[in-house]
N, C-alpha and C. Protein backbone atom coordinates (compact mmCIF):
# COMPACT_ATOMS: atom_id res chain seq x y z
N MET A 1 -4.02 -2.51 -42.01
CA MET A 1 -4.50 -3.26 -41.46
C MET A 1 -6.23 -3.27 -41.48
N ALA A 2 -6.97 -4.05 -42.21
CA ALA A 2 -8.65 -3.92 -42.45
C ALA A 2 -9.41 -4.29 -40.77
N ALA A 3 -10.49 -3.29 -41.48
CA ALA A 3 -11.24 -2.96 -40.03
C ALA A 3 -12.25 -4.21 -39.95
N LEU A 4 -11.98 -4.43 -38.52
CA LEU A 4 -12.70 -5.86 -37.72
C LEU A 4 -14.28 -5.43 -37.77
N LEU A 5 -15.45 -6.51 -37.90
CA LEU A 5 -16.85 -6.39 -37.82
C LEU A 5 -17.43 -6.81 -36.70
N CYS A 6 -18.02 -6.38 -35.84
CA CYS A 6 -19.08 -6.52 -34.51
C CYS A 6 -20.97 -6.45 -35.14
N GLY A 7 -20.93 -7.05 -33.85
CA GLY A 7 -22.71 -7.20 -34.42
C GLY A 7 -23.38 -6.05 -33.48
N ARG A 8 -24.40 -5.43 -34.05
CA ARG A 8 -24.73 -4.12 -33.29
C ARG A 8 -26.20 -4.34 -33.57
N MET A 9 -27.02 -4.13 -31.95
CA MET A 9 -28.77 -4.26 -32.32
C MET A 9 -28.98 -2.78 -32.56
N LYS A 10 -30.28 -2.87 -34.04
CA LYS A 10 -30.85 -2.06 -34.37
C LYS A 10 -31.88 -1.46 -33.28
N ARG A 11 -32.05 -0.12 -33.47
CA ARG A 11 -33.02 0.31 -32.35
C ARG A 11 -33.97 0.99 -33.70
N ASN A 12 -35.29 0.43 -32.69
CA ASN A 12 -36.76 1.06 -33.29
C ASN A 12 -37.90 1.85 -32.19
N LYS A 13 -37.28 3.23 -32.44
CA LYS A 13 -38.36 4.13 -31.26
C LYS A 13 -37.95 3.62 -30.15
N GLY A 14 -36.72 3.27 -30.06
CA GLY A 14 -35.97 2.96 -28.61
C GLY A 14 -36.28 1.72 -28.18
N ASN A 15 -36.82 1.38 -28.59
CA ASN A 15 -36.72 -0.55 -28.36
C ASN A 15 -35.67 -1.61 -29.18
N PHE A 16 -35.21 -2.39 -29.23
CA PHE A 16 -34.49 -3.21 -29.77
C PHE A 16 -35.30 -4.31 -30.40
N ILE A 17 -34.33 -4.21 -32.18
CA ILE A 17 -35.43 -5.02 -32.69
C ILE A 17 -34.37 -5.96 -33.24
N MET A 18 -34.75 -6.99 -33.58
CA MET A 18 -33.82 -8.14 -33.58
C MET A 18 -32.88 -8.24 -35.02
N LYS A 19 -33.02 -7.14 -35.92
CA LYS A 19 -32.02 -6.98 -36.92
C LYS A 19 -30.80 -6.64 -36.41
N ILE A 20 -29.55 -7.05 -37.10
CA ILE A 20 -28.28 -7.31 -36.45
C ILE A 20 -27.41 -6.74 -37.96
N GLU A 21 -26.77 -5.40 -37.50
CA GLU A 21 -26.17 -4.56 -38.36
C GLU A 21 -24.54 -5.20 -37.76
N GLU A 22 -24.19 -4.75 -39.27
CA GLU A 22 -22.24 -5.03 -39.17
C GLU A 22 -22.27 -3.51 -38.86
N ILE A 23 -20.80 -3.30 -37.87
CA ILE A 23 -20.12 -2.03 -37.51
C ILE A 23 -18.65 -2.95 -37.17
N LYS A 24 -18.12 -1.28 -38.04
CA LYS A 24 -16.75 -1.85 -38.28
C LYS A 24 -16.09 -1.12 -36.96
N VAL A 25 -14.82 -1.79 -36.91
CA VAL A 25 -14.13 -1.62 -35.17
C VAL A 25 -12.36 -1.48 -36.12
N LYS A 26 -11.64 -0.51 -35.87
CA LYS A 26 -10.43 -0.28 -36.39
C LYS A 26 -9.39 -0.43 -35.44
N PRO A 27 -8.79 -1.14 -35.86
CA PRO A 27 -7.22 -1.30 -34.78
C PRO A 27 -6.76 -0.21 -34.25
N ILE A 28 -5.88 0.02 -33.28
CA ILE A 28 -5.27 1.39 -33.27
C ILE A 28 -3.86 1.17 -32.97
N GLY A 29 -3.41 0.18 -32.64
CA GLY A 29 -2.54 -0.76 -32.79
C GLY A 29 -2.24 -2.15 -33.12
N ILE A 30 -0.98 -3.01 -32.18
CA ILE A 30 -0.80 -3.65 -32.41
C ILE A 30 -0.28 -4.53 -30.98
N ILE A 31 -0.44 -5.40 -30.05
CA ILE A 31 -0.08 -6.01 -29.01
C ILE A 31 1.04 -6.98 -29.06
N HIS A 32 2.01 -6.42 -28.55
CA HIS A 32 3.42 -7.57 -28.65
C HIS A 32 3.77 -8.18 -27.72
N THR A 33 3.89 -9.79 -27.63
CA THR A 33 4.34 -10.49 -26.65
C THR A 33 4.79 -11.39 -26.98
N SER A 34 5.12 -11.95 -25.92
CA SER A 34 6.14 -13.19 -26.08
C SER A 34 5.77 -14.66 -26.23
N TYR A 35 4.29 -14.95 -26.24
CA TYR A 35 3.28 -16.02 -26.52
C TYR A 35 3.00 -15.98 -27.86
N THR A 36 3.74 -16.86 -28.63
CA THR A 36 3.05 -16.82 -29.99
C THR A 36 2.15 -18.25 -30.46
N GLU A 37 2.06 -18.90 -29.28
CA GLU A 37 0.49 -19.85 -29.39
C GLU A 37 0.41 -19.92 -27.49
N THR A 38 -0.82 -20.40 -27.66
CA THR A 38 -1.42 -20.62 -26.03
C THR A 38 -1.04 -21.24 -25.25
N LYS A 39 -0.11 -22.03 -25.23
CA LYS A 39 0.44 -23.23 -24.41
C LYS A 39 1.98 -22.18 -23.52
N GLY A 40 1.78 -22.32 -22.34
CA GLY A 40 2.29 -21.78 -21.53
C GLY A 40 2.03 -20.22 -21.37
N MET A 41 0.89 -20.12 -21.80
CA MET A 41 0.05 -18.76 -21.52
C MET A 41 -0.68 -18.95 -20.59
N PRO A 42 -0.75 -17.73 -19.59
CA PRO A 42 -1.49 -17.92 -18.28
C PRO A 42 -3.44 -17.62 -18.77
N VAL A 43 -4.02 -18.01 -17.76
CA VAL A 43 -5.67 -17.81 -17.95
C VAL A 43 -6.39 -16.14 -18.05
N GLN A 44 -5.36 -15.63 -17.27
CA GLN A 44 -5.72 -14.51 -16.94
C GLN A 44 -4.06 -13.70 -16.55
N GLY A 45 -3.94 -12.50 -16.88
CA GLY A 45 -2.39 -11.92 -16.59
C GLY A 45 -2.16 -11.38 -15.05
N ILE A 46 -2.94 -11.80 -14.28
CA ILE A 46 -2.82 -11.59 -12.83
C ILE A 46 -1.86 -13.20 -12.51
N PHE A 47 -1.86 -14.03 -13.11
CA PHE A 47 -0.80 -15.45 -12.97
C PHE A 47 0.49 -15.21 -13.66
N GLU A 48 0.43 -14.20 -14.22
CA GLU A 48 2.02 -14.10 -15.05
C GLU A 48 2.31 -12.44 -14.29
N LYS A 49 3.11 -12.38 -13.50
CA LYS A 49 4.21 -12.00 -12.74
C LYS A 49 5.74 -11.33 -13.38
N GLU A 50 6.19 -11.88 -14.47
CA GLU A 50 7.55 -11.58 -14.82
C GLU A 50 7.30 -11.84 -16.42
N GLY A 51 6.23 -11.97 -17.43
CA GLY A 51 6.53 -11.49 -18.53
C GLY A 51 5.96 -10.12 -18.71
N ILE A 52 6.66 -9.38 -19.75
CA ILE A 52 6.68 -8.09 -20.31
C ILE A 52 6.17 -8.28 -21.31
N GLY A 53 5.03 -6.93 -21.75
CA GLY A 53 4.14 -7.00 -23.01
C GLY A 53 4.38 -5.69 -23.66
N ARG A 54 4.31 -5.39 -25.18
CA ARG A 54 4.33 -3.85 -25.81
C ARG A 54 2.82 -3.72 -26.49
N VAL A 55 2.71 -2.35 -26.18
CA VAL A 55 1.97 -2.10 -27.32
C VAL A 55 1.96 -1.16 -28.30
N GLU A 56 2.47 -1.22 -29.55
CA GLU A 56 2.94 -0.46 -30.58
C GLU A 56 1.54 -0.02 -31.53
N LEU A 57 1.48 1.40 -31.05
CA LEU A 57 0.61 2.51 -31.55
C LEU A 57 0.67 2.49 -32.86
N PHE A 58 -0.46 2.78 -33.56
CA PHE A 58 -0.11 3.57 -34.94
C PHE A 58 0.34 5.03 -34.52
N PRO A 59 0.64 5.55 -35.34
CA PRO A 59 1.27 6.81 -35.04
C PRO A 59 0.08 7.74 -34.59
N GLU A 60 -1.03 7.72 -35.68
CA GLU A 60 -2.08 8.26 -35.39
C GLU A 60 -2.65 9.09 -34.10
N TYR A 61 -2.51 7.65 -32.90
CA TYR A 61 -2.52 7.43 -31.85
C TYR A 61 -2.15 7.65 -30.66
N LEU A 62 -0.85 8.09 -31.06
CA LEU A 62 -0.05 8.13 -29.73
C LEU A 62 -0.60 9.29 -28.76
N ASP A 63 -1.22 10.32 -29.48
CA ASP A 63 -1.33 11.50 -28.95
C ASP A 63 -2.31 11.22 -27.89
N GLY A 64 -2.81 10.38 -28.11
CA GLY A 64 -4.05 9.30 -26.64
C GLY A 64 -3.40 9.22 -25.38
N LEU A 65 -2.10 9.03 -25.54
CA LEU A 65 -1.30 8.57 -24.45
C LEU A 65 -1.07 9.52 -23.61
N LYS A 66 -1.27 11.01 -23.24
CA LYS A 66 -1.24 11.91 -23.00
C LYS A 66 -1.71 11.47 -21.14
N ASP A 67 -1.04 11.69 -20.38
CA ASP A 67 -1.82 11.51 -18.67
C ASP A 67 -1.35 9.82 -18.64
N ILE A 68 -1.22 9.03 -19.70
CA ILE A 68 -1.84 7.84 -18.92
C ILE A 68 -0.71 7.04 -18.27
N ASP A 69 0.36 7.92 -18.18
CA ASP A 69 1.90 7.53 -17.02
C ASP A 69 0.87 7.79 -15.53
N GLY A 70 0.23 8.16 -15.48
CA GLY A 70 -0.08 8.43 -13.68
C GLY A 70 -1.30 7.32 -13.53
N PHE A 71 -1.48 5.98 -14.55
CA PHE A 71 -2.37 5.17 -13.98
C PHE A 71 -1.27 3.90 -13.52
N SER A 72 -1.56 3.03 -13.14
CA SER A 72 -0.48 1.89 -12.55
C SER A 72 -1.09 0.64 -13.46
N HIS A 73 -2.19 0.35 -13.56
CA HIS A 73 -2.73 -0.82 -14.30
C HIS A 73 -4.04 -0.63 -15.41
N LEU A 74 -3.95 -0.91 -16.44
CA LEU A 74 -4.98 -0.51 -18.09
C LEU A 74 -5.83 -1.49 -18.13
N ILE A 75 -6.97 -1.56 -18.84
CA ILE A 75 -7.63 -2.37 -19.54
C ILE A 75 -7.21 -1.76 -21.15
N LEU A 76 -7.13 -2.90 -21.47
CA LEU A 76 -6.49 -3.33 -23.07
C LEU A 76 -7.78 -4.27 -23.71
N ILE A 77 -8.36 -3.69 -24.87
CA ILE A 77 -9.35 -4.05 -25.28
C ILE A 77 -8.97 -4.32 -26.73
N TYR A 78 -9.21 -5.67 -26.94
CA TYR A 78 -8.66 -6.31 -28.50
C TYR A 78 -9.43 -7.22 -29.10
N CYS A 79 -9.10 -7.85 -29.97
CA CYS A 79 -9.68 -8.43 -30.81
C CYS A 79 -8.98 -10.30 -30.92
N PHE A 80 -10.00 -11.31 -30.67
CA PHE A 80 -9.11 -12.59 -30.50
C PHE A 80 -8.93 -13.07 -32.36
N ASP A 81 -8.46 -12.75 -32.95
CA ASP A 81 -8.03 -12.42 -34.63
C ASP A 81 -7.80 -13.71 -35.02
N ARG A 82 -7.75 -14.76 -34.27
CA ARG A 82 -7.36 -16.15 -34.63
C ARG A 82 -8.54 -17.13 -33.89
N GLU A 83 -9.29 -16.80 -33.98
CA GLU A 83 -10.38 -17.61 -33.30
C GLU A 83 -11.12 -17.36 -34.63
N ASP A 84 -11.89 -18.84 -35.25
CA ASP A 84 -12.85 -18.65 -35.95
C ASP A 84 -13.63 -19.77 -35.32
N GLU A 85 -13.59 -19.64 -34.12
CA GLU A 85 -15.03 -20.76 -33.86
C GLU A 85 -15.57 -20.31 -33.17
N GLU A 86 -17.17 -20.46 -33.01
CA GLU A 86 -18.09 -20.13 -31.52
C GLU A 86 -18.66 -20.72 -30.94
N ALA A 87 -18.71 -20.61 -29.81
CA ALA A 87 -19.88 -21.45 -28.67
C ALA A 87 -20.38 -20.85 -27.92
N LEU A 88 -21.78 -21.05 -28.07
CA LEU A 88 -22.14 -21.06 -26.91
C LEU A 88 -22.51 -21.38 -25.44
N VAL A 89 -21.96 -22.43 -25.18
CA VAL A 89 -21.28 -23.49 -24.71
C VAL A 89 -20.27 -24.17 -24.34
N ARG A 90 -19.51 -24.38 -23.36
CA ARG A 90 -18.15 -24.86 -23.79
C ARG A 90 -17.36 -25.27 -22.27
N ALA A 91 -16.79 -26.01 -21.96
CA ALA A 91 -15.91 -25.82 -20.99
C ALA A 91 -14.85 -25.03 -20.34
N PRO A 92 -14.90 -24.33 -19.67
CA PRO A 92 -13.63 -23.31 -19.36
C PRO A 92 -12.15 -24.08 -19.33
N LEU A 93 -11.43 -23.21 -18.98
CA LEU A 93 -9.98 -23.64 -19.56
C LEU A 93 -9.93 -24.46 -17.19
N LEU A 94 -10.63 -23.95 -17.00
CA LEU A 94 -10.18 -24.38 -15.20
C LEU A 94 -11.08 -25.48 -14.59
N GLU A 95 -11.73 -25.94 -15.99
CA GLU A 95 -12.50 -27.10 -15.15
C GLU A 95 -13.29 -28.14 -16.42
N ASP A 96 -13.41 -29.23 -16.24
CA ASP A 96 -14.48 -29.82 -17.34
C ASP A 96 -15.65 -29.72 -17.75
N ASP A 97 -16.34 -28.81 -16.61
CA ASP A 97 -17.58 -29.00 -16.50
C ASP A 97 -18.20 -28.03 -17.55
N VAL A 98 -19.36 -27.70 -18.12
CA VAL A 98 -19.86 -26.88 -19.66
C VAL A 98 -20.89 -25.79 -18.64
N HIS A 99 -20.35 -24.51 -19.03
CA HIS A 99 -20.65 -23.74 -19.01
C HIS A 99 -21.47 -22.67 -20.01
N GLY A 100 -22.50 -21.52 -19.85
CA GLY A 100 -22.83 -21.06 -21.40
C GLY A 100 -21.18 -20.01 -21.63
N ILE A 101 -21.50 -19.62 -22.46
CA ILE A 101 -20.16 -18.90 -22.72
C ILE A 101 -19.81 -17.19 -22.27
N PHE A 102 -20.90 -17.02 -21.57
CA PHE A 102 -21.08 -15.79 -20.98
C PHE A 102 -21.15 -15.76 -19.20
N ALA A 103 -20.70 -16.74 -18.92
CA ALA A 103 -20.18 -17.24 -17.75
C ALA A 103 -18.50 -17.55 -17.72
N VAL A 104 -17.85 -17.43 -19.41
CA VAL A 104 -16.78 -17.99 -19.10
C VAL A 104 -16.21 -16.77 -19.63
N ARG A 105 -14.68 -16.92 -20.17
CA ARG A 105 -13.63 -16.10 -20.36
C ARG A 105 -13.20 -16.56 -21.84
N SER A 106 -13.96 -17.67 -22.53
CA SER A 106 -13.29 -17.99 -23.64
C SER A 106 -13.27 -17.01 -24.81
N PRO A 107 -12.20 -17.56 -25.61
CA PRO A 107 -12.33 -16.68 -27.21
C PRO A 107 -13.35 -16.90 -27.82
N LYS A 108 -13.95 -17.87 -27.65
CA LYS A 108 -14.50 -18.29 -28.81
C LYS A 108 -16.35 -17.49 -28.59
N ARG A 109 -16.30 -16.63 -28.72
CA ARG A 109 -17.30 -16.09 -28.23
C ARG A 109 -17.97 -15.61 -29.69
N PRO A 110 -19.45 -15.08 -29.75
CA PRO A 110 -20.49 -14.32 -30.70
C PRO A 110 -19.51 -13.27 -31.19
N ASN A 111 -18.73 -12.62 -30.37
CA ASN A 111 -18.13 -11.32 -30.89
C ASN A 111 -16.79 -11.93 -30.52
N ASN A 112 -15.88 -11.81 -31.40
CA ASN A 112 -14.56 -12.29 -30.80
C ASN A 112 -13.59 -10.58 -30.36
N ILE A 113 -13.83 -10.06 -29.12
CA ILE A 113 -13.73 -9.10 -28.19
C ILE A 113 -13.12 -9.93 -27.09
N GLY A 114 -11.80 -9.42 -26.63
CA GLY A 114 -11.32 -9.85 -25.64
C GLY A 114 -10.79 -8.55 -24.90
N LEU A 115 -10.35 -8.69 -23.21
CA LEU A 115 -10.10 -7.65 -22.73
C LEU A 115 -9.18 -7.94 -21.78
N SER A 116 -8.06 -7.69 -20.97
CA SER A 116 -7.20 -7.83 -19.91
C SER A 116 -6.54 -6.32 -19.36
N ILE A 117 -6.63 -6.87 -18.22
CA ILE A 117 -6.10 -5.79 -16.85
C ILE A 117 -4.51 -6.07 -17.09
N VAL A 118 -3.88 -5.01 -17.46
CA VAL A 118 -2.34 -5.08 -17.26
C VAL A 118 -1.97 -4.39 -16.37
N LYS A 119 -0.31 -4.39 -16.07
CA LYS A 119 0.07 -3.09 -15.34
C LYS A 119 1.37 -2.43 -16.44
N LEU A 120 0.98 -1.35 -16.07
CA LEU A 120 1.92 0.02 -16.99
C LEU A 120 3.22 -0.22 -16.36
N GLU A 121 4.22 -0.32 -17.08
CA GLU A 121 5.31 -0.57 -16.52
C GLU A 121 6.38 0.94 -17.30
N GLY A 122 5.76 1.85 -18.23
CA GLY A 122 6.04 2.54 -18.95
C GLY A 122 5.64 2.77 -20.30
N LEU A 123 6.29 4.00 -20.66
CA LEU A 123 5.65 4.81 -21.66
C LEU A 123 6.83 4.41 -22.90
N GLU A 124 7.11 4.15 -24.01
CA GLU A 124 8.21 4.39 -25.48
C GLU A 124 7.19 5.49 -26.21
N SER A 125 8.24 5.77 -27.53
CA SER A 125 8.05 6.38 -28.18
C SER A 125 7.24 6.38 -29.52
N ASN A 126 6.96 4.32 -29.42
CA ASN A 126 5.23 4.54 -29.85
C ASN A 126 4.55 3.25 -29.50
N GLY A 127 4.67 3.40 -27.94
CA GLY A 127 3.31 3.19 -27.01
C GLY A 127 3.38 2.71 -26.03
N LEU A 128 3.46 1.57 -25.37
CA LEU A 128 3.36 1.72 -23.73
C LEU A 128 4.12 -0.22 -23.34
N VAL A 129 4.64 -0.02 -22.26
CA VAL A 129 5.08 -1.59 -22.07
C VAL A 129 4.19 -1.64 -20.79
N PHE A 130 4.13 -3.33 -20.61
CA PHE A 130 2.77 -3.52 -19.41
C PHE A 130 3.43 -4.73 -18.85
N SER A 131 2.89 -5.37 -17.95
CA SER A 131 3.26 -6.86 -17.27
C SER A 131 1.77 -7.52 -17.02
N GLN A 132 1.50 -8.53 -16.58
CA GLN A 132 0.77 -9.04 -16.70
C GLN A 132 0.04 -10.00 -18.17
N VAL A 133 0.53 -10.23 -18.70
CA VAL A 133 0.10 -10.57 -19.74
C VAL A 133 -0.29 -11.93 -19.70
N ASP A 134 -1.22 -11.72 -20.83
CA ASP A 134 -2.59 -12.99 -20.96
C ASP A 134 -2.89 -12.94 -22.02
N ILE A 135 -1.54 -12.61 -23.48
CA ILE A 135 -1.95 -11.66 -24.98
C ILE A 135 -1.43 -12.61 -25.71
N LEU A 136 -1.43 -12.75 -26.83
CA LEU A 136 -1.08 -13.60 -27.71
C LEU A 136 -0.21 -12.59 -28.56
N ASP A 137 1.08 -12.81 -28.90
CA ASP A 137 1.94 -11.99 -29.93
C ASP A 137 1.03 -11.25 -31.32
N GLU A 138 1.34 -10.16 -31.47
CA GLU A 138 0.30 -9.36 -32.78
C GLU A 138 -1.00 -9.67 -32.62
N THR A 139 -1.26 -9.38 -31.25
CA THR A 139 -2.90 -9.06 -31.27
C THR A 139 -3.49 -7.91 -31.82
N PRO A 140 -4.70 -7.49 -32.52
CA PRO A 140 -4.38 -6.37 -33.15
C PRO A 140 -5.48 -5.21 -31.86
N LEU A 141 -4.76 -3.93 -31.68
CA LEU A 141 -5.45 -3.44 -30.31
C LEU A 141 -6.61 -2.65 -30.73
N LEU A 142 -7.57 -2.81 -30.15
CA LEU A 142 -9.01 -1.76 -30.34
C LEU A 142 -9.13 -0.69 -29.35
N ASP A 143 -8.70 -0.57 -27.97
CA ASP A 143 -8.73 0.59 -26.94
C ASP A 143 -7.94 0.29 -26.04
N ILE A 144 -7.66 1.38 -25.38
CA ILE A 144 -6.99 1.13 -23.92
C ILE A 144 -7.83 2.61 -23.00
N LYS A 145 -8.19 1.85 -21.64
CA LYS A 145 -8.63 2.48 -20.93
C LYS A 145 -8.08 2.54 -19.64
N PRO A 146 -8.15 3.66 -18.43
CA PRO A 146 -7.13 3.36 -17.91
C PRO A 146 -8.20 2.36 -16.81
N TYR A 147 -7.63 1.48 -15.88
CA TYR A 147 -7.88 0.92 -14.57
C TYR A 147 -8.18 2.18 -13.62
N VAL A 148 -9.27 2.20 -13.37
CA VAL A 148 -9.49 3.60 -11.93
C VAL A 148 -9.99 2.32 -11.28
N SER A 149 -9.83 2.21 -9.58
CA SER A 149 -10.24 1.85 -8.39
C SER A 149 -11.39 1.73 -8.12
N TYR A 150 -11.11 3.34 -8.37
CA TYR A 150 -12.87 4.50 -8.01
C TYR A 150 -14.37 3.68 -8.56
N PHE A 151 -13.63 3.30 -9.84
CA PHE A 151 -15.09 2.87 -10.99
C PHE A 151 -14.82 1.19 -11.03
N ASP A 152 -13.87 0.62 -11.40
CA ASP A 152 -13.70 -0.96 -11.62
C ASP A 152 -14.13 -0.92 -10.44
N ALA A 153 -13.02 -1.67 -9.12
CA ALA A 153 -12.98 -2.50 -7.92
C ALA A 153 -14.63 -2.50 -7.54
N ARG A 154 -15.23 -3.38 -7.37
CA ARG A 154 -16.12 -3.84 -6.12
C ARG A 154 -15.98 -4.79 -5.16
N GLY A 155 -16.99 -4.06 -4.48
CA GLY A 155 -17.15 -5.33 -3.19
C GLY A 155 -18.12 -6.45 -3.18
N ASN A 156 -18.09 -7.63 -2.63
CA ASN A 156 -18.96 -8.32 -2.31
C ASN A 156 -19.36 -9.42 -2.93
N VAL A 157 -18.20 -9.52 -4.00
CA VAL A 157 -18.56 -9.89 -5.22
C VAL A 157 -18.39 -11.68 -5.13
N GLU A 158 -19.31 -12.25 -6.00
CA GLU A 158 -19.72 -13.20 -6.15
C GLU A 158 -19.09 -14.22 -7.51
N ASN A 159 -18.32 -15.28 -7.40
CA ASN A 159 -17.76 -15.47 -8.78
C ASN A 159 -18.25 -16.64 -9.29
N GLY A 160 -19.49 -16.87 -8.88
CA GLY A 160 -20.07 -18.08 -10.17
C GLY A 160 -19.03 -19.67 -9.45
N TRP A 161 -19.34 -20.48 -10.38
CA TRP A 161 -18.28 -21.57 -10.47
C TRP A 161 -17.06 -21.17 -10.64
N LEU A 162 -16.34 -20.22 -10.29
CA LEU A 162 -14.95 -20.32 -10.62
C LEU A 162 -14.64 -19.74 -8.65
N ASP A 163 -15.93 -19.90 -8.02
CA ASP A 163 -15.02 -19.68 -6.20
C ASP A 163 -14.61 -20.99 -5.63
N LYS A 164 -15.05 -21.97 -6.39
CA LYS A 164 -14.56 -23.41 -5.89
C LYS A 164 -13.36 -23.77 -6.36
N HIS A 165 -12.38 -23.16 -6.86
CA HIS A 165 -11.34 -23.19 -7.57
C HIS A 165 -10.46 -22.11 -6.52
N PHE A 166 -10.66 -21.41 -6.16
CA PHE A 166 -9.61 -20.13 -5.39
C PHE A 166 -9.91 -20.63 -3.73
N ILE A 167 -10.64 -21.82 -3.55
CA ILE A 167 -11.19 -21.85 -1.72
C ILE A 167 -9.72 -21.46 -0.99
N ASN A 168 -9.69 -20.35 -0.32
CA ASN A 168 -8.86 -20.39 0.81
C ASN A 168 -7.63 -19.34 0.34
N GLY A 169 -7.66 -18.70 -0.90
CA GLY A 169 -6.38 -17.74 -1.96
C GLY A 169 -6.06 -18.75 -2.43
N LYS A 170 -6.42 -19.99 -2.66
CA LYS A 170 -5.24 -21.31 -3.02
C LYS A 170 -5.43 -20.98 -4.71
N VAL A 171 -4.55 -20.72 -5.40
CA VAL A 171 -4.54 -20.55 -6.97
C VAL A 171 -4.80 -22.09 -7.70
N PRO A 172 -5.53 -22.31 -8.67
CA PRO A 172 -5.61 -23.39 -9.20
C PRO A 172 -4.07 -23.86 -10.23
N GLU A 173 -3.93 -24.26 -10.17
CA GLU A 173 -3.04 -25.73 -10.88
C GLU A 173 -3.39 -25.09 -12.56
N ARG A 174 -4.57 -25.13 -13.43
CA ARG A 174 -4.88 -24.83 -14.54
C ARG A 174 -4.97 -23.12 -14.82
N THR A 175 -3.79 -22.73 -14.41
CA THR A 175 -3.93 -21.41 -14.73
C THR A 175 -3.17 -20.40 -15.85
N ILE A 176 -2.10 -21.52 -16.14
CA ILE A 176 -1.29 -21.78 -17.14
C ILE A 176 -1.59 -23.09 -18.14
N LEU A 177 -1.72 -22.33 -19.25
CA LEU A 177 -2.04 -23.25 -20.28
C LEU A 177 -1.06 -24.19 -20.78
N ARG A 178 -1.21 -25.54 -21.28
CA ARG A 178 -0.84 -26.94 -21.21
C ARG A 178 -0.97 -27.21 -22.47
């Protein structure tokens, strides 16, 4: 699989300058899920309790799974490889109001990088099995990190425009793509 490109700011004496260089990011594996299209897929994996996905790691990265079985959840970082549109403002999936791209989780981003928190279900000889799936089948995997509640969970979180959609713990109807 060919290397993917991401933008990076070049430093000049410790200060950022506005020249952008391209850097290469190579996939470490492929994510396999039952979702071949976005229709029927949840907007976030927490809304999908039943689906199972698999990470197929390329052989040279399998040793990197050592001790990962001690974690219940993982962060998968991947490329939105089927997305060729970019928008700095857009309506998110949960509503029709327009927001800035950095206030939504749309795949139509300046850099086509996605992340999902998934539940580790087990290991296989060539990778791992996970639930809480919100990723398209055959998505290039860039990295895996353990979800660590001591580092990743936060208290007193404000969720901006999203809070109105989850009043009293109610899950909005538009969490599954139609």
